[in-house]
Amino acid sequence: MQKIALIAAIVLPFWNIPLIVRIIKRKSSDDISIFWVLGVWTCFLLMAPEGFRSPDPVWRTFNIVNMVLFSAVAITVLAYKGKGKKK
């Protein structure tokens, strides 16, 4: 069961990639709330130190992969915020 959980911990954050791709293709992140992105990212950031120190390999792996990929989401949202309004 732990191997299945470890695979899930790695795969789950990869669902952020389609969101990043969609933003880049549309060249806009206007439909995504900046408060939501920064709120979720801040919560992940505050949970990360405990997750990184956890003896549980599933939780530790999830925190590392999720922090990297959701940081990419946050950076992409910030980079494309307001760009869809240009004519």
N, C-alpha and C. Protein backbone atom coordinates (compact mmCIF):
# COMPACT_ATOMS: atom_id res chain seq x y z
N MET A 1 0.81 -1.20 0.00
CA MET A 1 0.00 0.00 0.00
C MET A 1 0.86 1.26 0.00
N GLN A 2 1.99 1.20 0.69
CA GLN A 2 2.83 2.40 0.75
C GLN A 2 3.40 2.75 -0.63
N LYS A 3 3.70 1.75 -1.44
CA LYS A 3 4.21 2.02 -2.79
C LYS A 3 3.13 2.69 -3.64
N ILE A 4 1.89 2.26 -3.50
CA ILE A 4 0.78 2.87 -4.23
C ILE A 4 0.61 4.32 -3.77
N ALA A 5 0.67 4.53 -2.47
CA ALA A 5 0.53 5.89 -1.93
C ALA A 5 1.68 6.77 -2.39
N LEU A 6 2.87 6.22 -2.47
CA LEU A 6 4.03 6.99 -2.94
C LEU A 6 3.86 7.40 -4.40
N ILE A 7 3.38 6.47 -5.22
CA ILE A 7 3.11 6.80 -6.63
C ILE A 7 2.06 7.89 -6.72
N ALA A 8 1.00 7.78 -5.94
CA ALA A 8 -0.06 8.80 -5.93
C ALA A 8 0.49 10.15 -5.47
N ALA A 9 1.37 10.13 -4.48
CA ALA A 9 1.96 11.38 -3.97
C ALA A 9 2.79 12.08 -5.04
N ILE A 10 3.38 11.31 -5.93
CA ILE A 10 4.17 11.89 -7.01
C ILE A 10 3.26 12.35 -8.15
N VAL A 11 2.27 11.54 -8.50
CA VAL A 11 1.41 11.82 -9.64
C VAL A 11 0.41 12.95 -9.38
N LEU A 12 -0.16 13.01 -8.19
CA LEU A 12 -1.21 14.00 -7.89
C LEU A 12 -0.81 15.43 -8.24
N PRO A 13 0.34 15.92 -7.81
CA PRO A 13 0.69 17.30 -8.15
C PRO A 13 0.89 17.55 -9.64
N PHE A 14 1.11 16.48 -10.42
CA PHE A 14 1.29 16.67 -11.86
C PHE A 14 0.02 17.12 -12.56
N TRP A 15 -1.12 17.08 -11.86
CA TRP A 15 -2.37 17.62 -12.42
C TRP A 15 -2.31 19.14 -12.50
N ASN A 16 -1.29 19.75 -11.93
CA ASN A 16 -1.08 21.19 -12.09
C ASN A 16 -0.57 21.54 -13.49
N ILE A 17 0.05 20.61 -14.16
CA ILE A 17 0.66 20.88 -15.47
C ILE A 17 -0.39 21.30 -16.51
N PRO A 18 -1.55 20.62 -16.62
CA PRO A 18 -2.54 21.09 -17.59
C PRO A 18 -2.99 22.54 -17.34
N LEU A 19 -3.06 22.94 -16.08
CA LEU A 19 -3.43 24.32 -15.76
C LEU A 19 -2.36 25.28 -16.27
N ILE A 20 -1.11 24.95 -16.06
CA ILE A 20 0.00 25.79 -16.54
C ILE A 20 -0.04 25.89 -18.07
N VAL A 21 -0.23 24.76 -18.72
CA VAL A 21 -0.27 24.73 -20.19
C VAL A 21 -1.44 25.56 -20.71
N ARG A 22 -2.61 25.44 -20.06
CA ARG A 22 -3.78 26.21 -20.49
C ARG A 22 -3.52 27.71 -20.38
N ILE A 23 -2.92 28.13 -19.29
CA ILE A 23 -2.61 29.56 -19.10
C ILE A 23 -1.66 30.04 -20.19
N ILE A 24 -0.63 29.27 -20.46
CA ILE A 24 0.35 29.66 -21.46
C ILE A 24 -0.27 29.72 -22.86
N LYS A 25 -1.10 28.72 -23.19
CA LYS A 25 -1.75 28.71 -24.51
C LYS A 25 -2.68 29.90 -24.69
N ARG A 26 -3.43 30.25 -23.65
CA ARG A 26 -4.36 31.38 -23.74
C ARG A 26 -3.67 32.71 -23.53
N LYS A 27 -2.45 32.65 -23.00
CA LYS A 27 -1.68 33.85 -22.67
C LYS A 27 -2.42 34.74 -21.68
N SER A 28 -3.16 34.08 -20.77
CA SER A 28 -3.92 34.82 -19.76
C SER A 28 -4.24 33.92 -18.58
N SER A 29 -4.20 34.51 -17.40
CA SER A 29 -4.63 33.80 -16.19
C SER A 29 -5.74 34.58 -15.50
N ASP A 30 -6.45 35.39 -16.28
CA ASP A 30 -7.47 36.26 -15.71
C ASP A 30 -8.63 35.52 -15.05
N ASP A 31 -8.87 34.25 -15.42
CA ASP A 31 -9.96 33.50 -14.82
C ASP A 31 -9.56 32.84 -13.50
N ILE A 32 -8.33 33.04 -13.06
CA ILE A 32 -7.85 32.44 -11.82
C ILE A 32 -7.60 33.55 -10.80
N SER A 33 -8.17 33.38 -9.64
CA SER A 33 -8.04 34.39 -8.58
C SER A 33 -6.61 34.43 -8.05
N ILE A 34 -6.05 35.61 -8.04
CA ILE A 34 -4.70 35.80 -7.49
C ILE A 34 -4.69 35.50 -5.99
N PHE A 35 -5.80 35.83 -5.31
CA PHE A 35 -5.90 35.56 -3.88
C PHE A 35 -5.94 34.06 -3.61
N TRP A 36 -6.62 33.31 -4.47
CA TRP A 36 -6.67 31.86 -4.32
C TRP A 36 -5.28 31.27 -4.51
N VAL A 37 -4.61 31.65 -5.59
CA VAL A 37 -3.28 31.10 -5.89
C VAL A 37 -2.30 31.41 -4.77
N LEU A 38 -2.26 32.67 -4.35
CA LEU A 38 -1.30 33.05 -3.29
C LEU A 38 -1.70 32.46 -1.94
N GLY A 39 -3.00 32.31 -1.70
CA GLY A 39 -3.46 31.69 -0.45
C GLY A 39 -3.07 30.23 -0.37
N VAL A 40 -3.31 29.49 -1.45
CA VAL A 40 -2.95 28.07 -1.49
C VAL A 40 -1.43 27.92 -1.42
N TRP A 41 -0.71 28.73 -2.19
CA TRP A 41 0.76 28.64 -2.18
C TRP A 41 1.33 28.96 -0.79
N THR A 42 0.77 29.97 -0.13
CA THR A 42 1.23 30.32 1.22
C THR A 42 0.99 29.18 2.19
N CYS A 43 -0.18 28.55 2.11
CA CYS A 43 -0.47 27.40 2.98
C CYS A 43 0.51 26.26 2.72
N PHE A 44 0.77 25.97 1.44
CA PHE A 44 1.75 24.93 1.11
C PHE A 44 3.13 25.30 1.67
N LEU A 45 3.49 26.57 1.54
CA LEU A 45 4.79 27.03 2.03
C LEU A 45 4.89 26.87 3.55
N LEU A 46 3.81 27.18 4.26
CA LEU A 46 3.82 27.05 5.71
C LEU A 46 3.82 25.59 6.17
N MET A 47 3.23 24.71 5.37
CA MET A 47 3.22 23.27 5.71
C MET A 47 4.52 22.58 5.31
N ALA A 48 5.23 23.16 4.34
CA ALA A 48 6.40 22.50 3.75
C ALA A 48 7.49 22.10 4.75
N PRO A 49 7.90 22.97 5.67
CA PRO A 49 8.99 22.55 6.57
C PRO A 49 8.67 21.27 7.35
N GLU A 50 7.44 21.16 7.81
CA GLU A 50 7.05 19.95 8.54
C GLU A 50 7.00 18.75 7.59
N GLY A 51 6.51 18.99 6.38
CA GLY A 51 6.45 17.92 5.40
C GLY A 51 7.84 17.45 4.98
N PHE A 52 8.76 18.38 4.83
CA PHE A 52 10.12 18.02 4.43
C PHE A 52 10.84 17.23 5.52
N ARG A 53 10.49 17.46 6.78
CA ARG A 53 11.15 16.77 7.90
C ARG A 53 10.44 15.48 8.30
N SER A 54 9.30 15.22 7.71
CA SER A 54 8.49 14.07 8.09
C SER A 54 9.22 12.75 7.85
N PRO A 55 9.09 11.82 8.78
CA PRO A 55 9.68 10.49 8.56
C PRO A 55 8.86 9.67 7.55
N ASP A 56 7.65 10.11 7.25
CA ASP A 56 6.79 9.40 6.30
C ASP A 56 7.21 9.75 4.88
N PRO A 57 7.72 8.79 4.12
CA PRO A 57 8.21 9.09 2.77
C PRO A 57 7.11 9.56 1.81
N VAL A 58 5.89 9.11 2.00
CA VAL A 58 4.79 9.53 1.13
C VAL A 58 4.49 11.01 1.34
N TRP A 59 4.35 11.41 2.58
CA TRP A 59 4.05 12.82 2.90
C TRP A 59 5.21 13.73 2.47
N ARG A 60 6.42 13.29 2.73
CA ARG A 60 7.61 14.07 2.36
C ARG A 60 7.69 14.24 0.84
N THR A 61 7.49 13.15 0.11
CA THR A 61 7.54 13.20 -1.36
C THR A 61 6.45 14.10 -1.91
N PHE A 62 5.23 13.95 -1.40
CA PHE A 62 4.12 14.79 -1.85
C PHE A 62 4.45 16.26 -1.64
N ASN A 63 4.97 16.61 -0.48
CA ASN A 63 5.29 18.00 -0.18
C ASN A 63 6.34 18.56 -1.14
N ILE A 64 7.35 17.80 -1.44
CA ILE A 64 8.41 18.26 -2.33
C ILE A 64 7.86 18.47 -3.74
N VAL A 65 7.20 17.45 -4.29
CA VAL A 65 6.69 17.54 -5.65
C VAL A 65 5.62 18.62 -5.76
N ASN A 66 4.72 18.67 -4.78
CA ASN A 66 3.64 19.64 -4.80
C ASN A 66 4.17 21.07 -4.68
N MET A 67 5.15 21.28 -3.84
CA MET A 67 5.71 22.63 -3.67
C MET A 67 6.34 23.10 -4.98
N VAL A 68 7.06 22.23 -5.64
CA VAL A 68 7.70 22.60 -6.91
C VAL A 68 6.65 22.92 -7.97
N LEU A 69 5.67 22.02 -8.15
CA LEU A 69 4.70 22.21 -9.22
C LEU A 69 3.71 23.33 -8.92
N PHE A 70 3.28 23.47 -7.67
CA PHE A 70 2.35 24.57 -7.40
C PHE A 70 3.08 25.91 -7.42
N SER A 71 4.36 25.92 -7.12
CA SER A 71 5.14 27.16 -7.29
C SER A 71 5.17 27.54 -8.75
N ALA A 72 5.27 26.55 -9.64
CA ALA A 72 5.23 26.82 -11.07
C ALA A 72 3.87 27.39 -11.48
N VAL A 73 2.79 26.87 -10.89
CA VAL A 73 1.45 27.42 -11.14
C VAL A 73 1.40 28.89 -10.71
N ALA A 74 1.86 29.17 -9.49
CA ALA A 74 1.81 30.53 -8.96
C ALA A 74 2.63 31.49 -9.84
N ILE A 75 3.80 31.07 -10.24
CA ILE A 75 4.65 31.91 -11.09
C ILE A 75 3.97 32.16 -12.43
N THR A 76 3.37 31.12 -13.00
CA THR A 76 2.69 31.26 -14.29
C THR A 76 1.49 32.18 -14.17
N VAL A 77 0.69 32.01 -13.12
CA VAL A 77 -0.47 32.88 -12.91
C VAL A 77 -0.02 34.33 -12.77
N LEU A 78 0.98 34.57 -11.98
CA LEU A 78 1.47 35.94 -11.79
C LEU A 78 2.04 36.52 -13.09
N ALA A 79 2.74 35.70 -13.86
CA ALA A 79 3.34 36.18 -15.10
C ALA A 79 2.29 36.54 -16.15
N TYR A 80 1.17 35.83 -16.15
CA TYR A 80 0.14 36.06 -17.17
C TYR A 80 -1.06 36.85 -16.66
N LYS A 81 -1.03 37.32 -15.43
CA LYS A 81 -2.15 38.09 -14.89
C LYS A 81 -2.30 39.40 -15.65
N GLY A 82 -3.49 39.65 -16.16
CA GLY A 82 -3.76 40.89 -16.85
C GLY A 82 -3.34 40.92 -18.31
N LYS A 83 -2.67 39.89 -18.78
CA LYS A 83 -2.19 39.90 -20.17
C LYS A 83 -3.31 39.62 -21.15
N GLY A 84 -4.41 39.00 -20.71
CA GLY A 84 -5.51 38.68 -21.60
C GLY A 84 -6.34 39.90 -21.97
N LYS A 85 -6.14 41.02 -21.29
CA LYS A 85 -6.92 42.23 -21.55
C LYS A 85 -6.36 43.06 -22.70
N LYS A 86 -5.14 42.76 -23.13
CA LYS A 86 -4.53 43.53 -24.22
C LYS A 86 -5.25 43.24 -25.53
N LYS A 87 -5.35 44.27 -26.35
CA LYS A 87 -6.02 44.10 -27.65
C LYS A 87 -5.06 44.29 -28.79
